[in-house]
N, C-alpha and C. Protein backbone atom coordinates (compact mmCIF):
# COMPACT_ATOMS: atom_id res chain seq x y z
N MET A 1 0.84 -1.18 0.00
CA MET A 1 0.00 0.00 0.00
C MET A 1 0.89 1.25 0.00
N ILE A 2 0.55 2.19 -0.83
CA ILE A 2 1.31 3.43 -0.94
C ILE A 2 0.64 4.47 -0.06
N ASP A 3 1.44 5.09 0.81
CA ASP A 3 0.88 6.06 1.75
C ASP A 3 1.30 7.48 1.39
N VAL A 4 0.94 8.42 2.25
CA VAL A 4 1.21 9.84 2.02
C VAL A 4 2.71 10.11 1.91
N ILE A 5 3.51 9.45 2.73
CA ILE A 5 4.97 9.66 2.68
C ILE A 5 5.53 9.15 1.35
N ASP A 6 5.03 8.01 0.88
CA ASP A 6 5.47 7.50 -0.43
C ASP A 6 5.16 8.52 -1.52
N HIS A 7 3.97 9.12 -1.46
CA HIS A 7 3.60 10.13 -2.47
C HIS A 7 4.52 11.34 -2.37
N ARG A 8 4.90 11.74 -1.19
CA ARG A 8 5.82 12.86 -1.03
C ARG A 8 7.19 12.51 -1.61
N ILE A 9 7.65 11.29 -1.35
CA ILE A 9 8.93 10.84 -1.91
C ILE A 9 8.87 10.84 -3.44
N ILE A 10 7.78 10.34 -4.00
CA ILE A 10 7.61 10.32 -5.46
C ILE A 10 7.67 11.74 -6.01
N ASN A 11 6.99 12.68 -5.37
CA ASN A 11 7.00 14.07 -5.84
C ASN A 11 8.39 14.67 -5.79
N ILE A 12 9.16 14.33 -4.78
CA ILE A 12 10.54 14.81 -4.68
C ILE A 12 11.38 14.21 -5.80
N LEU A 13 11.23 12.92 -6.06
CA LEU A 13 11.98 12.26 -7.14
C LEU A 13 11.61 12.81 -8.51
N LYS A 14 10.35 13.22 -8.69
CA LYS A 14 9.94 13.82 -9.97
C LYS A 14 10.67 15.13 -10.21
N ILE A 15 10.98 15.85 -9.15
CA ILE A 15 11.71 17.11 -9.29
C ILE A 15 13.17 16.84 -9.61
N ASN A 16 13.77 15.87 -8.88
CA ASN A 16 15.17 15.52 -9.12
C ASN A 16 15.42 14.12 -8.58
N SER A 17 15.53 13.17 -9.47
CA SER A 17 15.72 11.78 -9.04
C SER A 17 17.13 11.51 -8.53
N ARG A 18 17.99 12.51 -8.55
CA ARG A 18 19.36 12.34 -8.05
C ARG A 18 19.53 12.82 -6.61
N PHE A 19 18.45 13.29 -6.00
CA PHE A 19 18.55 13.64 -4.58
C PHE A 19 19.01 12.41 -3.81
N SER A 20 19.86 12.61 -2.84
CA SER A 20 20.33 11.49 -2.01
C SER A 20 19.21 11.05 -1.07
N PHE A 21 19.36 9.84 -0.55
CA PHE A 21 18.39 9.35 0.43
C PHE A 21 18.35 10.29 1.64
N ALA A 22 19.50 10.83 2.02
CA ALA A 22 19.56 11.75 3.16
C ALA A 22 18.79 13.04 2.87
N GLU A 23 18.95 13.59 1.64
CA GLU A 23 18.23 14.82 1.29
C GLU A 23 16.73 14.58 1.29
N ILE A 24 16.31 13.46 0.71
CA ILE A 24 14.88 13.14 0.69
C ILE A 24 14.38 12.92 2.11
N GLY A 25 15.18 12.22 2.91
CA GLY A 25 14.80 11.96 4.30
C GLY A 25 14.57 13.24 5.08
N ARG A 26 15.41 14.23 4.88
CA ARG A 26 15.23 15.52 5.56
C ARG A 26 13.90 16.16 5.17
N LYS A 27 13.52 16.02 3.91
CA LYS A 27 12.28 16.65 3.43
C LYS A 27 11.03 15.93 3.92
N VAL A 28 11.14 14.61 4.20
CA VAL A 28 9.96 13.84 4.62
C VAL A 28 10.07 13.35 6.06
N SER A 29 11.11 13.78 6.75
CA SER A 29 11.34 13.43 8.16
C SER A 29 11.51 11.92 8.37
N LEU A 30 12.35 11.32 7.54
CA LEU A 30 12.70 9.90 7.69
C LEU A 30 14.21 9.74 7.63
N SER A 31 14.70 8.62 8.13
CA SER A 31 16.12 8.33 8.03
C SER A 31 16.45 7.95 6.59
N PRO A 32 17.71 8.12 6.19
CA PRO A 32 18.10 7.71 4.83
C PRO A 32 17.80 6.23 4.55
N SER A 33 18.00 5.36 5.53
CA SER A 33 17.73 3.93 5.30
C SER A 33 16.24 3.67 5.09
N SER A 34 15.38 4.41 5.79
CA SER A 34 13.93 4.25 5.59
C SER A 34 13.52 4.73 4.20
N VAL A 35 14.13 5.83 3.76
CA VAL A 35 13.85 6.34 2.41
C VAL A 35 14.29 5.31 1.37
N ARG A 36 15.49 4.76 1.55
CA ARG A 36 15.99 3.75 0.60
C ARG A 36 15.04 2.56 0.53
N GLU A 37 14.58 2.08 1.67
CA GLU A 37 13.65 0.94 1.70
C GLU A 37 12.34 1.26 0.98
N ARG A 38 11.83 2.45 1.24
CA ARG A 38 10.57 2.85 0.58
C ARG A 38 10.75 2.96 -0.94
N ILE A 39 11.86 3.55 -1.38
CA ILE A 39 12.10 3.68 -2.82
C ILE A 39 12.27 2.30 -3.44
N GLN A 40 12.99 1.41 -2.79
CA GLN A 40 13.15 0.05 -3.31
C GLN A 40 11.80 -0.65 -3.41
N LYS A 41 10.93 -0.46 -2.41
CA LYS A 41 9.59 -1.05 -2.45
C LYS A 41 8.80 -0.50 -3.63
N LEU A 42 8.88 0.83 -3.84
CA LEU A 42 8.17 1.44 -4.97
C LEU A 42 8.68 0.92 -6.31
N GLU A 43 9.98 0.66 -6.40
CA GLU A 43 10.56 0.09 -7.62
C GLU A 43 10.08 -1.35 -7.81
N GLU A 44 10.11 -2.14 -6.75
CA GLU A 44 9.68 -3.55 -6.83
C GLU A 44 8.21 -3.67 -7.21
N LEU A 45 7.38 -2.75 -6.68
CA LEU A 45 5.95 -2.76 -7.01
C LEU A 45 5.67 -2.29 -8.44
N GLY A 46 6.68 -1.67 -9.06
CA GLY A 46 6.50 -1.14 -10.41
C GLY A 46 5.92 0.26 -10.43
N VAL A 47 5.75 0.87 -9.26
CA VAL A 47 5.27 2.25 -9.21
C VAL A 47 6.31 3.16 -9.85
N ILE A 48 7.57 2.97 -9.48
CA ILE A 48 8.67 3.67 -10.14
C ILE A 48 9.17 2.73 -11.23
N LYS A 49 8.93 3.12 -12.49
CA LYS A 49 9.32 2.26 -13.61
C LYS A 49 10.75 2.51 -14.06
N SER A 50 11.19 3.77 -14.02
CA SER A 50 12.54 4.09 -14.46
C SER A 50 12.89 5.51 -14.02
N TYR A 51 14.12 5.87 -14.25
CA TYR A 51 14.60 7.22 -13.98
C TYR A 51 15.08 7.77 -15.32
N SER A 52 14.99 9.09 -15.47
CA SER A 52 15.38 9.67 -16.75
C SER A 52 16.15 10.96 -16.54
N VAL A 53 16.63 11.49 -17.64
CA VAL A 53 17.41 12.73 -17.63
C VAL A 53 16.64 13.77 -18.44
N GLN A 54 16.55 14.98 -17.92
CA GLN A 54 15.98 16.08 -18.68
C GLN A 54 17.15 16.89 -19.23
N LEU A 55 17.16 17.09 -20.53
CA LEU A 55 18.27 17.75 -21.19
C LEU A 55 17.94 19.19 -21.55
N ASN A 56 18.95 20.01 -21.57
CA ASN A 56 18.81 21.37 -22.07
C ASN A 56 19.04 21.31 -23.58
N GLN A 57 17.95 21.29 -24.34
CA GLN A 57 18.04 21.10 -25.78
C GLN A 57 18.78 22.25 -26.47
N THR A 58 18.68 23.45 -25.95
CA THR A 58 19.40 24.58 -26.55
C THR A 58 20.90 24.34 -26.51
N LEU A 59 21.41 23.87 -25.37
CA LEU A 59 22.84 23.60 -25.26
C LEU A 59 23.28 22.44 -26.14
N LEU A 60 22.33 21.59 -26.54
CA LEU A 60 22.65 20.49 -27.46
C LEU A 60 22.51 20.91 -28.92
N GLY A 61 22.21 22.19 -29.16
CA GLY A 61 22.12 22.68 -30.54
C GLY A 61 20.74 22.65 -31.12
N ASN A 62 19.73 22.38 -30.30
CA ASN A 62 18.35 22.34 -30.79
C ASN A 62 17.62 23.60 -30.34
N GLY A 63 17.42 24.51 -31.27
CA GLY A 63 16.82 25.80 -30.95
C GLY A 63 15.31 25.81 -30.99
N LEU A 64 14.69 24.77 -31.52
CA LEU A 64 13.24 24.70 -31.60
C LEU A 64 12.72 23.45 -30.91
N GLU A 65 11.64 23.64 -30.19
CA GLU A 65 10.92 22.50 -29.62
C GLU A 65 9.46 22.69 -29.98
N VAL A 66 8.84 21.66 -30.53
CA VAL A 66 7.47 21.79 -31.03
C VAL A 66 6.64 20.57 -30.65
N PHE A 67 5.34 20.79 -30.64
CA PHE A 67 4.38 19.69 -30.60
C PHE A 67 3.84 19.57 -32.02
N ILE A 68 3.74 18.36 -32.50
CA ILE A 68 3.15 18.13 -33.82
C ILE A 68 2.00 17.16 -33.65
N MET A 69 0.84 17.59 -34.14
CA MET A 69 -0.34 16.74 -34.18
C MET A 69 -0.45 16.24 -35.62
N LEU A 70 -0.65 14.94 -35.78
CA LEU A 70 -0.68 14.37 -37.12
C LEU A 70 -2.01 13.65 -37.35
N LYS A 71 -2.73 14.11 -38.36
CA LYS A 71 -3.97 13.46 -38.79
C LYS A 71 -3.59 12.49 -39.90
N ILE A 72 -3.65 11.21 -39.60
CA ILE A 72 -3.13 10.16 -40.48
C ILE A 72 -4.07 9.92 -41.67
N PHE A 73 -3.46 9.74 -42.85
CA PHE A 73 -4.20 9.33 -44.04
C PHE A 73 -4.67 7.88 -43.86
N ASP A 74 -5.78 7.55 -44.50
CA ASP A 74 -6.29 6.18 -44.46
C ASP A 74 -5.22 5.19 -44.89
N GLY A 75 -5.04 4.14 -44.11
CA GLY A 75 -4.10 3.09 -44.45
C GLY A 75 -2.65 3.37 -44.06
N LYS A 76 -2.36 4.51 -43.44
CA LYS A 76 -0.97 4.88 -43.12
C LYS A 76 -0.63 4.76 -41.63
N LEU A 77 -1.60 4.42 -40.80
CA LEU A 77 -1.36 4.41 -39.36
C LEU A 77 -0.25 3.45 -38.95
N GLN A 78 -0.31 2.22 -39.42
CA GLN A 78 0.71 1.24 -39.04
C GLN A 78 2.10 1.65 -39.53
N ASP A 79 2.16 2.29 -40.69
CA ASP A 79 3.44 2.76 -41.23
C ASP A 79 4.07 3.81 -40.31
N ILE A 80 3.28 4.80 -39.89
CA ILE A 80 3.84 5.86 -39.04
C ILE A 80 4.17 5.30 -37.66
N LEU A 81 3.37 4.38 -37.14
CA LEU A 81 3.67 3.81 -35.83
C LEU A 81 5.02 3.09 -35.84
N ARG A 82 5.34 2.44 -36.94
CA ARG A 82 6.64 1.76 -37.06
C ARG A 82 7.79 2.75 -37.22
N GLU A 83 7.57 3.79 -38.01
CA GLU A 83 8.67 4.68 -38.39
C GLU A 83 8.97 5.80 -37.40
N VAL A 84 7.93 6.32 -36.74
CA VAL A 84 8.10 7.53 -35.93
C VAL A 84 9.10 7.34 -34.80
N THR A 85 9.21 6.15 -34.25
CA THR A 85 10.15 5.92 -33.14
C THR A 85 11.60 5.87 -33.61
N THR A 86 11.83 5.84 -34.92
CA THR A 86 13.20 5.83 -35.43
C THR A 86 13.74 7.24 -35.66
N TYR A 87 12.87 8.25 -35.58
CA TYR A 87 13.31 9.63 -35.81
C TYR A 87 14.00 10.16 -34.56
N PRO A 88 15.26 10.56 -34.65
CA PRO A 88 15.97 11.06 -33.46
C PRO A 88 15.38 12.35 -32.90
N GLU A 89 14.68 13.10 -33.72
CA GLU A 89 14.09 14.37 -33.27
C GLU A 89 12.92 14.16 -32.30
N VAL A 90 12.28 13.01 -32.40
CA VAL A 90 11.07 12.76 -31.60
C VAL A 90 11.46 12.39 -30.17
N GLN A 91 10.99 13.20 -29.23
CA GLN A 91 11.26 12.97 -27.81
C GLN A 91 10.19 12.09 -27.17
N GLN A 92 8.94 12.37 -27.50
CA GLN A 92 7.82 11.58 -27.01
C GLN A 92 6.80 11.50 -28.13
N VAL A 93 6.08 10.38 -28.15
CA VAL A 93 5.02 10.23 -29.15
C VAL A 93 3.87 9.46 -28.51
N PHE A 94 2.66 9.91 -28.81
CA PHE A 94 1.47 9.30 -28.24
C PHE A 94 0.46 9.06 -29.35
N ARG A 95 -0.22 7.93 -29.28
CA ARG A 95 -1.37 7.68 -30.13
C ARG A 95 -2.58 8.16 -29.34
N ILE A 96 -3.38 9.04 -29.93
CA ILE A 96 -4.45 9.70 -29.19
C ILE A 96 -5.80 9.55 -29.89
N THR A 97 -6.85 9.92 -29.17
CA THR A 97 -8.19 9.93 -29.75
C THR A 97 -8.48 11.33 -30.27
N GLY A 98 -9.55 11.45 -31.02
CA GLY A 98 -9.95 12.75 -31.55
C GLY A 98 -9.60 12.87 -33.02
N PRO A 99 -9.65 14.09 -33.55
CA PRO A 99 -9.42 14.28 -34.99
C PRO A 99 -7.98 13.99 -35.42
N TYR A 100 -7.05 14.05 -34.48
CA TYR A 100 -5.66 13.71 -34.78
C TYR A 100 -5.36 12.33 -34.20
N ASN A 101 -4.44 11.61 -34.84
CA ASN A 101 -4.10 10.26 -34.40
C ASN A 101 -2.82 10.21 -33.58
N ILE A 102 -1.91 11.12 -33.88
CA ILE A 102 -0.58 11.09 -33.27
C ILE A 102 -0.26 12.48 -32.70
N HIS A 103 0.33 12.48 -31.51
CA HIS A 103 0.81 13.72 -30.88
C HIS A 103 2.27 13.47 -30.52
N MET A 104 3.17 14.32 -30.98
CA MET A 104 4.58 14.14 -30.68
C MET A 104 5.23 15.42 -30.20
N GLN A 105 6.22 15.23 -29.35
CA GLN A 105 7.08 16.33 -28.93
C GLN A 105 8.39 16.13 -29.66
N VAL A 106 8.83 17.18 -30.36
CA VAL A 106 9.97 17.08 -31.27
C VAL A 106 10.95 18.22 -30.99
N VAL A 107 12.25 17.91 -31.03
CA VAL A 107 13.28 18.95 -30.92
C VAL A 107 14.03 19.03 -32.24
N LEU A 108 14.32 20.27 -32.65
CA LEU A 108 14.93 20.51 -33.95
C LEU A 108 15.96 21.63 -33.84
N LYS A 109 16.90 21.63 -34.77
CA LYS A 109 17.95 22.65 -34.75
C LYS A 109 17.41 24.05 -35.06
N ASP A 110 16.56 24.14 -36.10
CA ASP A 110 16.10 25.45 -36.55
C ASP A 110 14.87 25.27 -37.44
N GLN A 111 14.41 26.38 -38.04
CA GLN A 111 13.22 26.34 -38.87
C GLN A 111 13.40 25.46 -40.11
N LEU A 112 14.57 25.47 -40.70
CA LEU A 112 14.82 24.63 -41.87
C LEU A 112 14.73 23.15 -41.50
N HIS A 113 15.28 22.80 -40.35
CA HIS A 113 15.18 21.43 -39.87
C HIS A 113 13.71 21.05 -39.66
N LEU A 114 12.92 21.96 -39.10
CA LEU A 114 11.48 21.74 -38.92
C LEU A 114 10.81 21.51 -40.27
N GLN A 115 11.16 22.32 -41.24
CA GLN A 115 10.57 22.18 -42.58
C GLN A 115 10.84 20.79 -43.15
N HIS A 116 12.09 20.33 -43.04
CA HIS A 116 12.45 19.00 -43.57
C HIS A 116 11.74 17.90 -42.78
N PHE A 117 11.61 18.09 -41.47
CA PHE A 117 10.93 17.09 -40.66
C PHE A 117 9.45 16.99 -41.03
N ILE A 118 8.81 18.13 -41.21
CA ILE A 118 7.40 18.14 -41.62
C ILE A 118 7.25 17.47 -42.99
N ASP A 119 8.19 17.73 -43.89
CA ASP A 119 8.15 17.09 -45.21
C ASP A 119 8.16 15.57 -45.09
N LYS A 120 8.92 15.03 -44.13
CA LYS A 120 8.94 13.57 -43.92
C LYS A 120 7.59 13.05 -43.45
N LEU A 121 6.89 13.87 -42.66
CA LEU A 121 5.61 13.43 -42.09
C LEU A 121 4.46 13.47 -43.08
N THR A 122 4.55 14.32 -44.10
CA THR A 122 3.40 14.53 -44.99
C THR A 122 3.07 13.30 -45.84
N LYS A 123 3.96 12.32 -45.90
CA LYS A 123 3.60 11.09 -46.61
C LYS A 123 2.65 10.23 -45.79
N PHE A 124 2.55 10.52 -44.48
CA PHE A 124 1.69 9.76 -43.58
C PHE A 124 0.37 10.45 -43.27
N GLY A 125 0.39 11.80 -43.32
CA GLY A 125 -0.82 12.52 -42.95
C GLY A 125 -0.61 14.01 -42.99
N SER A 126 -1.55 14.70 -42.38
CA SER A 126 -1.55 16.15 -42.37
C SER A 126 -1.11 16.65 -40.99
N PRO A 127 0.08 17.28 -40.91
CA PRO A 127 0.58 17.75 -39.61
C PRO A 127 0.12 19.16 -39.26
N THR A 128 -0.06 19.38 -37.97
CA THR A 128 -0.27 20.71 -37.42
C THR A 128 0.80 20.91 -36.36
N THR A 129 1.54 22.00 -36.48
CA THR A 129 2.70 22.24 -35.61
C THR A 129 2.41 23.37 -34.63
N HIS A 130 2.84 23.16 -33.38
CA HIS A 130 2.70 24.16 -32.33
C HIS A 130 4.08 24.39 -31.72
N LEU A 131 4.59 25.60 -31.84
CA LEU A 131 5.89 25.96 -31.28
C LEU A 131 5.78 26.07 -29.77
N ILE A 132 6.68 25.42 -29.05
CA ILE A 132 6.70 25.51 -27.59
C ILE A 132 7.48 26.77 -27.22
N LEU A 133 6.84 27.67 -26.51
CA LEU A 133 7.48 28.91 -26.10
C LEU A 133 8.24 28.74 -24.79
N SER A 134 7.63 28.05 -23.82
CA SER A 134 8.30 27.81 -22.54
C SER A 134 7.60 26.66 -21.84
N GLU A 135 8.29 26.11 -20.86
CA GLU A 135 7.72 25.04 -20.04
C GLU A 135 7.33 25.62 -18.70
N ILE A 136 6.16 25.26 -18.24
CA ILE A 136 5.68 25.71 -16.94
C ILE A 136 5.84 24.52 -16.00
N THR A 137 6.61 24.70 -14.95
CA THR A 137 6.89 23.61 -14.03
C THR A 137 6.16 23.79 -12.72
N LYS A 138 5.90 22.66 -12.07
CA LYS A 138 5.25 22.69 -10.76
C LYS A 138 6.26 23.13 -9.71
N ASN A 139 5.78 23.82 -8.71
CA ASN A 139 6.61 24.22 -7.60
C ASN A 139 6.83 23.04 -6.66
N GLU A 140 8.00 23.02 -6.04
CA GLU A 140 8.30 21.99 -5.05
C GLU A 140 7.55 22.33 -3.77
N ASP A 141 6.93 21.31 -3.16
CA ASP A 141 6.21 21.52 -1.90
C ASP A 141 7.16 21.57 -0.73
């Protein structure tokens, strides 16, 4: 059973999964060994599936970040589902309901790179692009 302290630990890990057990323990009033045990339990239960890294795309040479909604042409869904995960620009991709079939988060070097990327997608469907201006993050409790 996951309790309030487990939820607090999860929220702390979502902010920075590299916090030490001691740092997390100070925030939730537990010893480092208790925090370690709780995190291991959450991993064993599958609540925590993995840890990841958030990258500064600008420092990696990617000046544009966009969401692309793709309305798939008839008969092309399986093709795009196979191919889209091979594109290095695609950070996340979701199959969704509604008038669009695919929603992706994409990082690109510049507008020309975006143009070429959209050109690749048009064989599968009709894309609509939304430029990401900034990310709004949750405050730490």
